[in-house]
Amino acid sequence: MNNNGQWKLSSVSPALVVSSGLIFLRNKKPKGLHLDDILGMIKEHPGRSYYCKVIPRRITLAEAVEYGELDKLGITRNTYSSIDLNLLKPEKEFEDLPRTGRQLLSKHYRSKSREVKE
């Protein structure tokens, strides 16, 4: 939003919106997955609902402290990043949700806001 409260277009690029927390853009990689990673996995296995990739990631200070392994700080290890379409919990109401990667890429899913009761 700009200072006048109006939305401002910041860029135009390919995107894949799986849910409000999983928006893949060229410069955004939720769960460490790039847009090309997700599209490649779906292209390879369009009938799946679960997609997983091994991602090398450095051990953070918080993780090293939590597990009492300060000597491993900064070491790269493989972690798993995944998306499970069966576990989507949308904040809005949908008549239908994608159950496979093929469905995710081939259809637009319309939603309506949920009524909030006090």
PDB file of N, CA and C in Angstrom:
ATOM      1  N   MET A   1       0.846  -1.183   0.000  1.00  0.00           N
ATOM      2  CA  MET A   1       0.000   0.000   0.000  1.00  0.00           C
ATOM      3  C   MET A   1       0.885   1.238   0.000  1.00  0.00           C
ATOM      4  N   ASN A   2       0.411   2.268  -0.658  1.00  0.00           N
ATOM      5  CA  ASN A   2       1.164   3.518  -0.624  1.00  0.00           C
ATOM      6  C   ASN A   2       0.651   4.386   0.522  1.00  0.00           C
ATOM      7  N   ASN A   3       1.182   5.584   0.636  1.00  0.00           N
ATOM      8  CA  ASN A   3       0.823   6.465   1.757  1.00  0.00           C
ATOM      9  C   ASN A   3      -0.639   6.907   1.727  1.00  0.00           C
ATOM     10  N   ASN A   4      -1.259   6.844   0.566  1.00  0.00           N
ATOM     11  CA  ASN A   4      -2.664   7.254   0.462  1.00  0.00           C
ATOM     12  C   ASN A   4      -3.626   6.103   0.732  1.00  0.00           C
ATOM     13  N   GLY A   5      -3.125   4.955   1.136  1.00  0.00           N
ATOM     14  CA  GLY A   5      -3.972   3.811   1.419  1.00  0.00           C
ATOM     15  C   GLY A   5      -4.392   3.049   0.181  1.00  0.00           C
ATOM     16  N   GLN A   6      -3.759   3.330  -0.948  1.00  0.00           N
ATOM     17  CA  GLN A   6      -4.077   2.658  -2.201  1.00  0.00           C
ATOM     18  C   GLN A   6      -3.062   1.547  -2.457  1.00  0.00           C
ATOM     19  N   TRP A   7      -3.528   0.457  -3.078  1.00  0.00           N
ATOM     20  CA  TRP A   7      -2.622  -0.627  -3.439  1.00  0.00           C
ATOM     21  C   TRP A   7      -1.735  -0.185  -4.580  1.00  0.00           C
ATOM     22  N   LYS A   8      -0.496  -0.640  -4.565  1.00  0.00           N
ATOM     23  CA  LYS A   8       0.463  -0.279  -5.598  1.00  0.00           C
ATOM     24  C   LYS A   8       1.040  -1.553  -6.193  1.00  0.00           C
ATOM     25  N   LEU A   9       1.039  -1.643  -7.510  1.00  0.00           N
ATOM     26  CA  LEU A   9       1.617  -2.787  -8.197  1.00  0.00           C
ATOM     27  C   LEU A   9       3.132  -2.679  -8.132  1.00  0.00           C
ATOM     28  N   SER A  10       3.791  -3.666  -7.524  1.00  0.00           N
ATOM     29  CA  SER A  10       5.239  -3.607  -7.378  1.00  0.00           C
ATOM     30  C   SER A  10       5.973  -4.375  -8.468  1.00  0.00           C
ATOM     31  N   SER A  11       5.327  -5.384  -9.058  1.00  0.00           N
ATOM     32  CA  SER A  11       5.972  -6.121 -10.141  1.00  0.00           C
ATOM     33  C   SER A  11       4.949  -7.012 -10.830  1.00  0.00           C
ATOM     34  N   VAL A  12       5.343  -7.483 -12.006  1.00  0.00           N
ATOM     35  CA  VAL A  12       4.536  -8.439 -12.745  1.00  0.00           C
ATOM     36  C   VAL A  12       5.446  -9.617 -13.039  1.00  0.00           C
ATOM     37  N   SER A  13       5.074 -10.792 -12.545  1.00  0.00           N
ATOM     38  CA  SER A  13       5.900 -11.980 -12.752  1.00  0.00           C
ATOM     39  C   SER A  13       5.053 -13.223 -12.541  1.00  0.00           C
ATOM     40  N   PRO A  14       5.542 -14.378 -13.008  1.00  0.00           N
ATOM     41  CA  PRO A  14       4.810 -15.626 -12.759  1.00  0.00           C
ATOM     42  C   PRO A  14       4.672 -15.878 -11.263  1.00  0.00           C
ATOM     43  N   ALA A  15       3.565 -16.488 -10.885  1.00  0.00           N
ATOM     44  CA  ALA A  15       3.320 -16.784  -9.476  1.00  0.00           C
ATOM     45  C   ALA A  15       2.466 -18.040  -9.368  1.00  0.00           C
ATOM     46  N   LEU A  16       2.574 -18.702  -8.227  1.00  0.00           N
ATOM     47  CA  LEU A  16       1.711 -19.827  -7.897  1.00  0.00           C
ATOM     48  C   LEU A  16       1.256 -19.619  -6.461  1.00  0.00           C
ATOM     49  N   VAL A  17      -0.061 -19.505  -6.269  1.00  0.00           N
ATOM     50  CA  VAL A  17      -0.619 -19.322  -4.935  1.00  0.00           C
ATOM     51  C   VAL A  17      -1.267 -20.637  -4.523  1.00  0.00           C
ATOM     52  N   VAL A  18      -0.668 -21.288  -3.537  1.00  0.00           N
ATOM     53  CA  VAL A  18      -1.199 -22.543  -3.016  1.00  0.00           C
ATOM     54  C   VAL A  18      -2.126 -22.243  -1.843  1.00  0.00           C
ATOM     55  N   SER A  19      -1.713 -21.320  -0.996  1.00  0.00           N
ATOM     56  CA  SER A  19      -2.517 -20.852   0.129  1.00  0.00           C
ATOM     57  C   SER A  19      -1.981 -19.487   0.535  1.00  0.00           C
ATOM     58  N   SER A  20      -2.569 -18.863   1.546  1.00  0.00           N
ATOM     59  CA  SER A  20      -2.114 -17.530   1.938  1.00  0.00           C
ATOM     60  C   SER A  20      -0.663 -17.534   2.417  1.00  0.00           C
ATOM     61  N   GLY A  21      -0.192 -18.626   2.943  1.00  0.00           N
ATOM     62  CA  GLY A  21       1.194 -18.711   3.394  1.00  0.00           C
ATOM     63  C   GLY A  21       2.146 -19.320   2.387  1.00  0.00           C
ATOM     64  N   LEU A  22       1.628 -19.806   1.287  1.00  0.00           N
ATOM     65  CA  LEU A  22       2.456 -20.438   0.253  1.00  0.00           C
ATOM     66  C   LEU A  22       2.246 -19.738  -1.084  1.00  0.00           C
ATOM     67  N   ILE A  23       2.889 -18.604  -1.223  1.00  0.00           N
ATOM     68  CA  ILE A  23       2.821 -17.826  -2.452  1.00  0.00           C
ATOM     69  C   ILE A  23       4.212 -17.850  -3.074  1.00  0.00           C
ATOM     70  N   PHE A  24       4.322 -18.530  -4.190  1.00  0.00           N
ATOM     71  CA  PHE A  24       5.608 -18.682  -4.856  1.00  0.00           C
ATOM     72  C   PHE A  24       5.741 -17.654  -5.969  1.00  0.00           C
ATOM     73  N   LEU A  25       6.770 -16.835  -5.874  1.00  0.00           N
ATOM     74  CA  LEU A  25       7.123 -15.854  -6.889  1.00  0.00           C
ATOM     75  C   LEU A  25       8.581 -16.098  -7.258  1.00  0.00           C
ATOM     76  N   ARG A  26       9.055 -15.416  -8.278  1.00  0.00           N
ATOM     77  CA  ARG A  26      10.465 -15.580  -8.661  1.00  0.00           C
ATOM     78  C   ARG A  26      11.407 -15.225  -7.509  1.00  0.00           C
ATOM     79  N   ASN A  27      11.032 -14.248  -6.695  1.00  0.00           N
ATOM     80  CA  ASN A  27      11.922 -13.804  -5.616  1.00  0.00           C
ATOM     81  C   ASN A  27      11.450 -14.245  -4.230  1.00  0.00           C
ATOM     82  N   LYS A  28      10.414 -15.056  -4.132  1.00  0.00           N
ATOM     83  CA  LYS A  28       9.928 -15.557  -2.841  1.00  0.00           C
ATOM     84  C   LYS A  28       9.979 -17.074  -2.865  1.00  0.00           C
ATOM     85  N   LYS A  29      10.474 -17.659  -1.793  1.00  0.00           N
ATOM     86  CA  LYS A  29      10.577 -19.117  -1.740  1.00  0.00           C
ATOM     87  C   LYS A  29      10.134 -19.638  -0.375  1.00  0.00           C
ATOM     88  N   PRO A  30       8.822 -19.727  -0.180  1.00  0.00           N
ATOM     89  CA  PRO A  30       8.334 -20.279   1.078  1.00  0.00           C
ATOM     90  C   PRO A  30       8.822 -21.710   1.263  1.00  0.00           C
ATOM     91  N   LYS A  31       9.155 -22.034   2.498  1.00  0.00           N
ATOM     92  CA  LYS A  31       9.656 -23.366   2.851  1.00  0.00           C
ATOM     93  C   LYS A  31      10.943 -23.693   2.115  1.00  0.00           C
ATOM     94  N   GLY A  32      11.642 -22.662   1.599  1.00  0.00           N
ATOM     95  CA  GLY A  32      12.894 -22.880   0.890  1.00  0.00           C
ATOM     96  C   GLY A  32      12.728 -23.402  -0.522  1.00  0.00           C
ATOM     97  N   LEU A  33      11.501 -23.447  -1.011  1.00  0.00           N
ATOM     98  CA  LEU A  33      11.231 -23.961  -2.350  1.00  0.00           C
ATOM     99  C   LEU A  33      11.027 -22.807  -3.321  1.00  0.00           C
ATOM    100  N   HIS A  34      11.698 -22.878  -4.452  1.00  0.00           N
ATOM    101  CA  HIS A  34      11.542 -21.887  -5.509  1.00  0.00           C
ATOM    102  C   HIS A  34      10.331 -22.238  -6.368  1.00  0.00           C
ATOM    103  N   LEU A  35       9.816 -21.264  -7.077  1.00  0.00           N
ATOM    104  CA  LEU A  35       8.701 -21.484  -7.992  1.00  0.00           C
ATOM    105  C   LEU A  35       9.043 -22.596  -8.982  1.00  0.00           C
ATOM    106  N   ASP A  36      10.250 -22.567  -9.534  1.00  0.00           N
ATOM    107  CA  ASP A  36      10.653 -23.605 -10.492  1.00  0.00           C
ATOM    108  C   ASP A  36      10.720 -24.991  -9.846  1.00  0.00           C
ATOM    109  N   ASP A  37      11.068 -25.061  -8.556  1.00  0.00           N
ATOM    110  CA  ASP A  37      11.084 -26.352  -7.843  1.00  0.00           C
ATOM    111  C   ASP A  37       9.686 -26.959  -7.830  1.00  0.00           C
ATOM    112  N   ILE A  38       8.718 -26.155  -7.407  1.00  0.00           N
ATOM    113  CA  ILE A  38       7.336 -26.641  -7.294  1.00  0.00           C
ATOM    114  C   ILE A  38       6.781 -27.018  -8.653  1.00  0.00           C
ATOM    115  N   LEU A  39       6.968 -26.150  -9.630  1.00  0.00           N
ATOM    116  CA  LEU A  39       6.452 -26.442 -10.968  1.00  0.00           C
ATOM    117  C   LEU A  39       7.097 -27.692 -11.553  1.00  0.00           C
ATOM    118  N   GLY A  40       8.388 -27.889 -11.298  1.00  0.00           N
ATOM    119  CA  GLY A  40       9.077 -29.087 -11.776  1.00  0.00           C
ATOM    120  C   GLY A  40       8.557 -30.358 -11.123  1.00  0.00           C
ATOM    121  N   MET A  41       8.321 -30.303  -9.813  1.00  0.00           N
ATOM    122  CA  MET A  41       7.799 -31.480  -9.107  1.00  0.00           C
ATOM    123  C   MET A  41       6.398 -31.832  -9.609  1.00  0.00           C
ATOM    124  N   ILE A  42       5.575 -30.804  -9.831  1.00  0.00           N
ATOM    125  CA  ILE A  42       4.217 -31.058 -10.315  1.00  0.00           C
ATOM    126  C   ILE A  42       4.256 -31.606 -11.734  1.00  0.00           C
ATOM    127  N   LYS A  43       5.130 -31.053 -12.557  1.00  0.00           N
ATOM    128  CA  LYS A  43       5.238 -31.541 -13.939  1.00  0.00           C
ATOM    129  C   LYS A  43       5.666 -33.007 -13.960  1.00  0.00           C
ATOM    130  N   GLU A  44       6.581 -33.366 -13.067  1.00  0.00           N
ATOM    131  CA  GLU A  44       7.081 -34.747 -13.013  1.00  0.00           C
ATOM    132  C   GLU A  44       6.036 -35.720 -12.461  1.00  0.00           C
ATOM    133  N   HIS A  45       5.234 -35.267 -11.497  1.00  0.00           N
ATOM    134  CA  HIS A  45       4.232 -36.133 -10.853  1.00  0.00           C
ATOM    135  C   HIS A  45       2.916 -35.367 -10.676  1.00  0.00           C
ATOM    136  N   PRO A  46       2.187 -35.105 -11.767  1.00  0.00           N
ATOM    137  CA  PRO A  46       0.977 -34.272 -11.675  1.00  0.00           C
ATOM    138  C   PRO A  46      -0.157 -34.876 -10.864  1.00  0.00           C
ATOM    139  N   GLY A  47      -0.182 -36.186 -10.681  1.00  0.00           N
ATOM    140  CA  GLY A  47      -1.278 -36.818  -9.951  1.00  0.00           C
ATOM    141  C   GLY A  47      -1.067 -36.899  -8.452  1.00  0.00           C
ATOM    142  N   ARG A  48       0.048 -36.423  -7.967  1.00  0.00           N
ATOM    143  CA  ARG A  48       0.317 -36.479  -6.516  1.00  0.00           C
ATOM    144  C   ARG A  48      -0.322 -35.310  -5.781  1.00  0.00           C
ATOM    145  N   SER A  49      -0.512 -35.508  -4.489  1.00  0.00           N
ATOM    146  CA  SER A  49      -0.997 -34.426  -3.630  1.00  0.00           C
ATOM    147  C   SER A  49       0.095 -33.996  -2.651  1.00  0.00           C
ATOM    148  N   TYR A  50       1.181 -34.760  -2.595  1.00  0.00           N
ATOM    149  CA  TYR A  50       2.281 -34.485  -1.669  1.00  0.00           C
ATOM    150  C   TYR A  50       3.565 -34.338  -2.476  1.00  0.00           C
ATOM    151  N   TYR A  51       4.276 -33.238  -2.225  1.00  0.00           N
ATOM    152  CA  TYR A  51       5.533 -32.957  -2.915  1.00  0.00           C
ATOM    153  C   TYR A  51       6.602 -32.644  -1.877  1.00  0.00           C
ATOM    154  N   CYS A  52       7.783 -33.232  -2.059  1.00  0.00           N
ATOM    155  CA  CYS A  52       8.858 -33.088  -1.085  1.00  0.00           C
ATOM    156  C   CYS A  52      10.186 -32.930  -1.808  1.00  0.00           C
ATOM    157  N   LYS A  53      11.050 -32.106  -1.244  1.00  0.00           N
ATOM    158  CA  LYS A  53      12.386 -31.912  -1.807  1.00  0.00           C
ATOM    159  C   LYS A  53      13.392 -31.804  -0.673  1.00  0.00           C
ATOM    160  N   VAL A  54      14.574 -32.375  -0.887  1.00  0.00           N
ATOM    161  CA  VAL A  54      15.672 -32.243   0.068  1.00  0.00           C
ATOM    162  C   VAL A  54      16.372 -30.920  -0.222  1.00  0.00           C
ATOM    163  N   ILE A  55      16.553 -30.117   0.825  1.00  0.00           N
ATOM    164  CA  ILE A  55      17.175 -28.805   0.680  1.00  0.00           C
ATOM    165  C   ILE A  55      18.339 -28.697   1.663  1.00  0.00           C
ATOM    166  N   PRO A  56      19.543 -28.406   1.169  1.00  0.00           N
ATOM    167  CA  PRO A  56      20.653 -28.182   2.093  1.00  0.00           C
ATOM    168  C   PRO A  56      20.450 -26.847   2.816  1.00  0.00           C
ATOM    169  N   ARG A  57      20.643 -26.852   4.140  1.00  0.00           N
ATOM    170  CA  ARG A  57      20.421 -25.641   4.934  1.00  0.00           C
ATOM    171  C   ARG A  57      21.404 -25.620   6.098  1.00  0.00           C
ATOM    172  N   ARG A  58      21.900 -24.443   6.416  1.00  0.00           N
ATOM    173  CA  ARG A  58      22.838 -24.308   7.542  1.00  0.00           C
ATOM    174  C   ARG A  58      22.094 -24.381   8.876  1.00  0.00           C
ATOM    175  N   ILE A  59      22.739 -24.975   9.859  1.00  0.00           N
ATOM    176  CA  ILE A  59      22.181 -25.037  11.215  1.00  0.00           C
ATOM    177  C   ILE A  59      22.279 -23.641  11.819  1.00  0.00           C
ATOM    178  N   THR A  60      21.152 -23.131  12.295  1.00  0.00           N
ATOM    179  CA  THR A  60      21.104 -21.775  12.850  1.00  0.00           C
ATOM    180  C   THR A  60      21.554 -21.771  14.311  1.00  0.00           C
ATOM    181  N   LEU A  61      21.815 -20.586  14.829  1.00  0.00           N
ATOM    182  CA  LEU A  61      22.195 -20.444  16.231  1.00  0.00           C
ATOM    183  C   LEU A  61      21.085 -20.962  17.144  1.00  0.00           C
ATOM    184  N   ALA A  62      19.845 -20.628  16.821  1.00  0.00           N
ATOM    185  CA  ALA A  62      18.720 -21.082  17.646  1.00  0.00           C
ATOM    186  C   ALA A  62      18.659 -22.609  17.696  1.00  0.00           C
ATOM    187  N   GLU A  63      18.856 -23.265  16.561  1.00  0.00           N
ATOM    188  CA  GLU A  63      18.819 -24.732  16.524  1.00  0.00           C
ATOM    189  C   GLU A  63      19.994 -25.330  17.306  1.00  0.00           C
ATOM    190  N   ALA A  64      21.174 -24.758  17.145  1.00  0.00           N
ATOM    191  CA  ALA A  64      22.357 -25.265  17.838  1.00  0.00           C
ATOM    192  C   ALA A  64      22.186 -25.154  19.354  1.00  0.00           C
ATOM    193  N   VAL A  65      21.629 -24.042  19.810  1.00  0.00           N
ATOM    194  CA  VAL A  65      21.393 -23.844  21.246  1.00  0.00           C
ATOM    195  C   VAL A  65      20.306 -24.798  21.730  1.00  0.00           C
ATOM    196  N   GLU A  66      19.211 -24.897  20.978  1.00  0.00           N
ATOM    197  CA  GLU A  66      18.091 -25.754  21.375  1.00  0.00           C
ATOM    198  C   GLU A  66      18.516 -27.205  21.546  1.00  0.00           C
ATOM    199  N   TYR A  67      19.374 -27.690  20.665  1.00  0.00           N
ATOM    200  CA  TYR A  67      19.781 -29.095  20.709  1.00  0.00           C
ATOM    201  C   TYR A  67      21.116 -29.305  21.423  1.00  0.00           C
ATOM    202  N   GLY A  68      21.680 -28.232  21.993  1.00  0.00           N
ATOM    203  CA  GLY A  68      22.933 -28.346  22.732  1.00  0.00           C
ATOM    204  C   GLY A  68      24.109 -28.787  21.872  1.00  0.00           C
ATOM    205  N   GLU A  69      24.114 -28.329  20.643  1.00  0.00           N
ATOM    206  CA  GLU A  69      25.163 -28.730  19.702  1.00  0.00           C
ATOM    207  C   GLU A  69      25.796 -27.497  19.062  1.00  0.00           C
ATOM    208  N   LEU A  70      26.390 -26.631  19.892  1.00  0.00           N
ATOM    209  CA  LEU A  70      26.985 -25.402  19.377  1.00  0.00           C
ATOM    210  C   LEU A  70      28.109 -25.677  18.393  1.00  0.00           C
ATOM    211  N   ASP A  71      28.761 -26.821  18.513  1.00  0.00           N
ATOM    212  CA  ASP A  71      29.852 -27.150  17.594  1.00  0.00           C
ATOM    213  C   ASP A  71      29.353 -27.374  16.164  1.00  0.00           C
ATOM    214  N   LYS A  72      28.041 -27.548  15.996  1.00  0.00           N
ATOM    215  CA  LYS A  72      27.478 -27.777  14.655  1.00  0.00           C
ATOM    216  C   LYS A  72      26.927 -26.505  14.025  1.00  0.00           C
ATOM    217  N   LEU A  73      27.064 -25.371  14.726  1.00  0.00           N
ATOM    218  CA  LEU A  73      26.578 -24.098  14.226  1.00  0.00           C
ATOM    219  C   LEU A  73      27.181 -23.802  12.851  1.00  0.00           C
ATOM    220  N   GLY A  74      26.333 -23.507  11.890  1.00  0.00           N
ATOM    221  CA  GLY A  74      26.797 -23.148  10.554  1.00  0.00           C
ATOM    222  C   GLY A  74      27.055 -24.313   9.626  1.00  0.00           C
ATOM    223  N   ILE A  75      27.027 -25.523  10.146  1.00  0.00           N
ATOM    224  CA  ILE A  75      27.234 -26.699   9.299  1.00  0.00           C
ATOM    225  C   ILE A  75      25.995 -26.892   8.421  1.00  0.00           C
ATOM    226  N   THR A  76      26.228 -27.265   7.185  1.00  0.00           N
ATOM    227  CA  THR A  76      25.118 -27.505   6.273  1.00  0.00           C
ATOM    228  C   THR A  76      24.622 -28.937   6.434  1.00  0.00           C
ATOM    229  N   ARG A  77      23.309 -29.081   6.514  1.00  0.00           N
ATOM    230  CA  ARG A  77      22.712 -30.414   6.572  1.00  0.00           C
ATOM    231  C   ARG A  77      21.497 -30.434   5.667  1.00  0.00           C
ATOM    232  N   ASN A  78      21.097 -31.606   5.276  1.00  0.00           N
ATOM    233  CA  ASN A  78      19.916 -31.745   4.430  1.00  0.00           C
ATOM    234  C   ASN A  78      18.654 -31.715   5.276  1.00  0.00           C
ATOM    235  N   THR A  79      17.696 -30.926   4.843  1.00  0.00           N
ATOM    236  CA  THR A  79      16.390 -30.878   5.484  1.00  0.00           C
ATOM    237  C   THR A  79      15.343 -31.179   4.414  1.00  0.00           C
ATOM    238  N   TYR A  80      14.168 -31.526   4.834  1.00  0.00           N
ATOM    239  CA  TYR A  80      13.088 -31.842   3.908  1.00  0.00           C
ATOM    240  C   TYR A  80      12.069 -30.726   3.941  1.00  0.00           C
ATOM    241  N   SER A  81      11.665 -30.293   2.768  1.00  0.00           N
ATOM    242  CA  SER A  81      10.622 -29.290   2.648  1.00  0.00           C
ATOM    243  C   SER A  81       9.501 -29.903   1.819  1.00  0.00           C
ATOM    244  N   SER A  82       8.280 -29.740   2.277  1.00  0.00           N
ATOM    245  CA  SER A  82       7.182 -30.404   1.575  1.00  0.00           C
ATOM    246  C   SER A  82       5.920 -29.552   1.540  1.00  0.00           C
ATOM    247  N   ILE A  83       5.059 -29.922   0.607  1.00  0.00           N
ATOM    248  CA  ILE A  83       3.730 -29.334   0.487  1.00  0.00           C
ATOM    249  C   ILE A  83       2.756 -30.492   0.350  1.00  0.00           C
ATOM    250  N   ASP A  84       1.736 -30.497   1.189  1.00  0.00           N
ATOM    251  CA  ASP A  84       0.713 -31.538   1.144  1.00  0.00           C
ATOM    252  C   ASP A  84      -0.631 -30.867   0.883  1.00  0.00           C
ATOM    253  N   LEU A  85      -1.160 -31.049  -0.307  1.00  0.00           N
ATOM    254  CA  LEU A  85      -2.424 -30.405  -0.669  1.00  0.00           C
ATOM    255  C   LEU A  85      -3.590 -30.900   0.169  1.00  0.00           C
ATOM    256  N   ASN A  86      -3.466 -32.086   0.760  1.00  0.00           N
ATOM    257  CA  ASN A  86      -4.531 -32.626   1.615  1.00  0.00           C
ATOM    258  C   ASN A  86      -4.601 -31.932   2.972  1.00  0.00           C
ATOM    259  N   LEU A  87      -3.545 -31.208   3.335  1.00  0.00           N
ATOM    260  CA  LEU A  87      -3.506 -30.553   4.639  1.00  0.00           C
ATOM    261  C   LEU A  87      -3.780 -29.054   4.567  1.00  0.00           C
ATOM    262  N   LEU A  88      -4.191 -28.558   3.409  1.00  0.00           N
ATOM    263  CA  LEU A  88      -4.480 -27.130   3.284  1.00  0.00           C
ATOM    264  C   LEU A  88      -5.616 -26.749   4.218  1.00  0.00           C
ATOM    265  N   LYS A  89      -5.422 -25.667   4.965  1.00  0.00           N
ATOM    266  CA  LYS A  89      -6.458 -25.163   5.865  1.00  0.00           C
ATOM    267  C   LYS A  89      -6.702 -23.701   5.520  1.00  0.00           C
ATOM    268  N   PRO A  90      -7.530 -23.471   4.515  1.00  0.00           N
ATOM    269  CA  PRO A  90      -7.749 -22.094   4.052  1.00  0.00           C
ATOM    270  C   PRO A  90      -8.501 -21.246   5.063  1.00  0.00           C
ATOM    271  N   GLU A  91      -8.178 -19.953   5.026  1.00  0.00           N
ATOM    272  CA  GLU A  91      -8.850 -18.995   5.905  1.00  0.00           C
ATOM    273  C   GLU A  91     -10.198 -18.576   5.337  1.00  0.00           C
ATOM    274  N   LYS A  92     -10.413 -18.878   4.056  1.00  0.00           N
ATOM    275  CA  LYS A  92     -11.661 -18.521   3.397  1.00  0.00           C
ATOM    276  C   LYS A  92     -12.434 -19.789   3.064  1.00  0.00           C
ATOM    277  N   GLU A  93     -13.679 -19.615   2.627  1.00  0.00           N
ATOM    278  CA  GLU A  93     -14.514 -20.754   2.251  1.00  0.00           C
ATOM    279  C   GLU A  93     -14.378 -21.031   0.758  1.00  0.00           C
ATOM    280  N   PHE A  94     -14.125 -22.276   0.424  1.00  0.00           N
ATOM    281  CA  PHE A  94     -14.006 -22.719  -0.957  1.00  0.00           C
ATOM    282  C   PHE A  94     -15.030 -23.817  -1.215  1.00  0.00           C
ATOM    283  N   GLU A  95     -15.610 -23.822  -2.403  1.00  0.00           N
ATOM    284  CA  GLU A  95     -16.500 -24.913  -2.777  1.00  0.00           C
ATOM    285  C   GLU A  95     -15.686 -26.167  -3.075  1.00  0.00           C
ATOM    286  N   ASP A  96     -14.478 -25.977  -3.563  1.00  0.00           N
ATOM    287  CA  ASP A  96     -13.620 -27.079  -3.977  1.00  0.00           C
ATOM    288  C   ASP A  96     -12.177 -26.679  -3.735  1.00  0.00           C
ATOM    289  N   LEU A  97     -11.317 -27.651  -3.461  1.00  0.00           N
ATOM    290  CA  LEU A  97      -9.883 -27.419  -3.287  1.00  0.00           C
ATOM    291  C   LEU A  97      -9.116 -28.411  -4.147  1.00  0.00           C
ATOM    292  N   PRO A  98      -7.917 -28.043  -4.572  1.00  0.00           N
ATOM    293  CA  PRO A  98      -7.124 -28.975  -5.382  1.00  0.00           C
ATOM    294  C   PRO A  98      -6.643 -30.150  -4.534  1.00  0.00           C
ATOM    295  N   ARG A  99      -6.686 -31.335  -5.104  1.00  0.00           N
ATOM    296  CA  ARG A  99      -6.192 -32.530  -4.422  1.00  0.00           C
ATOM    297  C   ARG A  99      -4.943 -33.085  -5.088  1.00  0.00           C
ATOM    298  N   THR A 100      -4.639 -32.575  -6.283  1.00  0.00           N
ATOM    299  CA  THR A 100      -3.428 -33.001  -6.988  1.00  0.00           C
ATOM    300  C   THR A 100      -2.741 -31.765  -7.569  1.00  0.00           C
ATOM    301  N   GLY A 101      -1.486 -31.935  -7.909  1.00  0.00           N
ATOM    302  CA  GLY A 101      -0.765 -30.849  -8.550  1.00  0.00           C
ATOM    303  C   GLY A 101      -1.397 -30.446  -9.865  1.00  0.00           C
ATOM    304  N   ARG A 102      -1.875 -31.413 -10.613  1.00  0.00           N
ATOM    305  CA  ARG A 102      -2.536 -31.130 -11.890  1.00  0.00           C
ATOM    306  C   ARG A 102      -3.732 -30.203 -11.674  1.00  0.00           C
ATOM    307  N   GLN A 103      -4.545 -30.506 -10.676  1.00  0.00           N
ATOM    308  CA  GLN A 103      -5.710 -29.675 -10.380  1.00  0.00           C
ATOM    309  C   GLN A 103      -5.275 -28.276  -9.938  1.00  0.00           C
ATOM    310  N   LEU A 104      -4.227 -28.200  -9.145  1.00  0.00           N
ATOM    311  CA  LEU A 104      -3.730 -26.915  -8.668  1.00  0.00           C
ATOM    312  C   LEU A 104      -3.354 -26.007  -9.831  1.00  0.00           C
ATOM    313  N   LEU A 105      -2.726 -26.579 -10.858  1.00  0.00           N
ATOM    314  CA  LEU A 105      -2.260 -25.772 -11.982  1.00  0.00           C
ATOM    315  C   LEU A 105      -3.322 -25.531 -13.049  1.00  0.00           C
ATOM    316  N   SER A 106      -4.377 -26.336 -13.081  1.00  0.00           N
ATOM    317  CA  SER A 106      -5.310 -26.243 -14.194  1.00  0.00           C
ATOM    318  C   SER A 106      -6.616 -25.522 -13.876  1.00  0.00           C
ATOM    319  N   LYS A 107      -6.835 -25.148 -12.631  1.00  0.00           N
ATOM    320  CA  LYS A 107      -8.116 -24.569 -12.260  1.00  0.00           C
ATOM    321  C   LYS A 107      -7.925 -23.384 -11.321  1.00  0.00           C
ATOM    322  N   HIS A 108      -8.799 -22.417 -11.415  1.00  0.00           N
ATOM    323  CA  HIS A 108      -8.829 -21.316 -10.448  1.00  0.00           C
ATOM    324  C   HIS A 108      -9.847 -21.677  -9.377  1.00  0.00           C
ATOM    325  N   TYR A 109      -9.502 -21.453  -8.140  1.00  0.00           N
ATOM    326  CA  TYR A 109     -10.379 -21.799  -7.029  1.00  0.00           C
ATOM    327  C   TYR A 109     -10.904 -20.508  -6.405  1.00  0.00           C
ATOM    328  N   ARG A 110     -12.179 -20.287  -6.546  1.00  0.00           N
ATOM    329  CA  ARG A 110     -12.819 -19.073  -6.027  1.00  0.00           C
ATOM    330  C   ARG A 110     -13.184 -19.266  -4.557  1.00  0.00           C
ATOM    331  N   SER A 111     -13.068 -18.177  -3.814  1.00  0.00           N
ATOM    332  CA  SER A 111     -13.387 -18.257  -2.390  1.00  0.00           C
ATOM    333  C   SER A 111     -14.288 -17.110  -1.995  1.00  0.00           C
ATOM    334  N   LYS A 112     -14.852 -17.240  -0.815  1.00  0.00           N
ATOM    335  CA  LYS A 112     -15.593 -16.132  -0.220  1.00  0.00           C
ATOM    336  C   LYS A 112     -15.155 -16.044   1.233  1.00  0.00           C
ATOM    337  N   SER A 113     -15.232 -14.857   1.778  1.00  0.00           N
ATOM    338  CA  SER A 113     -14.811 -14.644   3.160  1.00  0.00           C
ATOM    339  C   SER A 113     -15.734 -15.372   4.111  1.00  0.00           C
ATOM    340  N   ARG A 114     -15.178 -15.777   5.217  1.00  0.00           N
ATOM    341  CA  ARG A 114     -15.982 -16.428   6.257  1.00  0.00           C
ATOM    342  C   ARG A 114     -16.607 -15.373   7.151  1.00  0.00           C
ATOM    343  N   GLU A 115     -17.789 -15.663   7.627  1.00  0.00           N
ATOM    344  CA  GLU A 115     -18.460 -14.754   8.550  1.00  0.00           C
ATOM    345  C   GLU A 115     -17.872 -14.944   9.940  1.00  0.00           C
ATOM    346  N   VAL A 116     -17.511 -13.860  10.558  1.00  0.00           N
ATOM    347  CA  VAL A 116     -16.956 -13.904  11.900  1.00  0.00           C
ATOM    348  C   VAL A 116     -18.064 -13.551  12.884  1.00  0.00           C
ATOM    349  N   LYS A 117     -18.322 -14.458  13.831  1.00  0.00           N
ATOM    350  CA  LYS A 117     -19.369 -14.208  14.823  1.00  0.00           C
ATOM    351  C   LYS A 117     -18.717 -13.881  16.156  1.00  0.00           C
ATOM    352  N   GLU A 118     -19.269 -12.911  16.814  1.00  0.00           N
ATOM    353  CA  GLU A 118     -18.733 -12.510  18.122  1.00  0.00           C
ATOM    354  C   GLU A 118     -19.360 -13.275  19.246  1.00  0.00           C
TER     355      GLU A 118
END
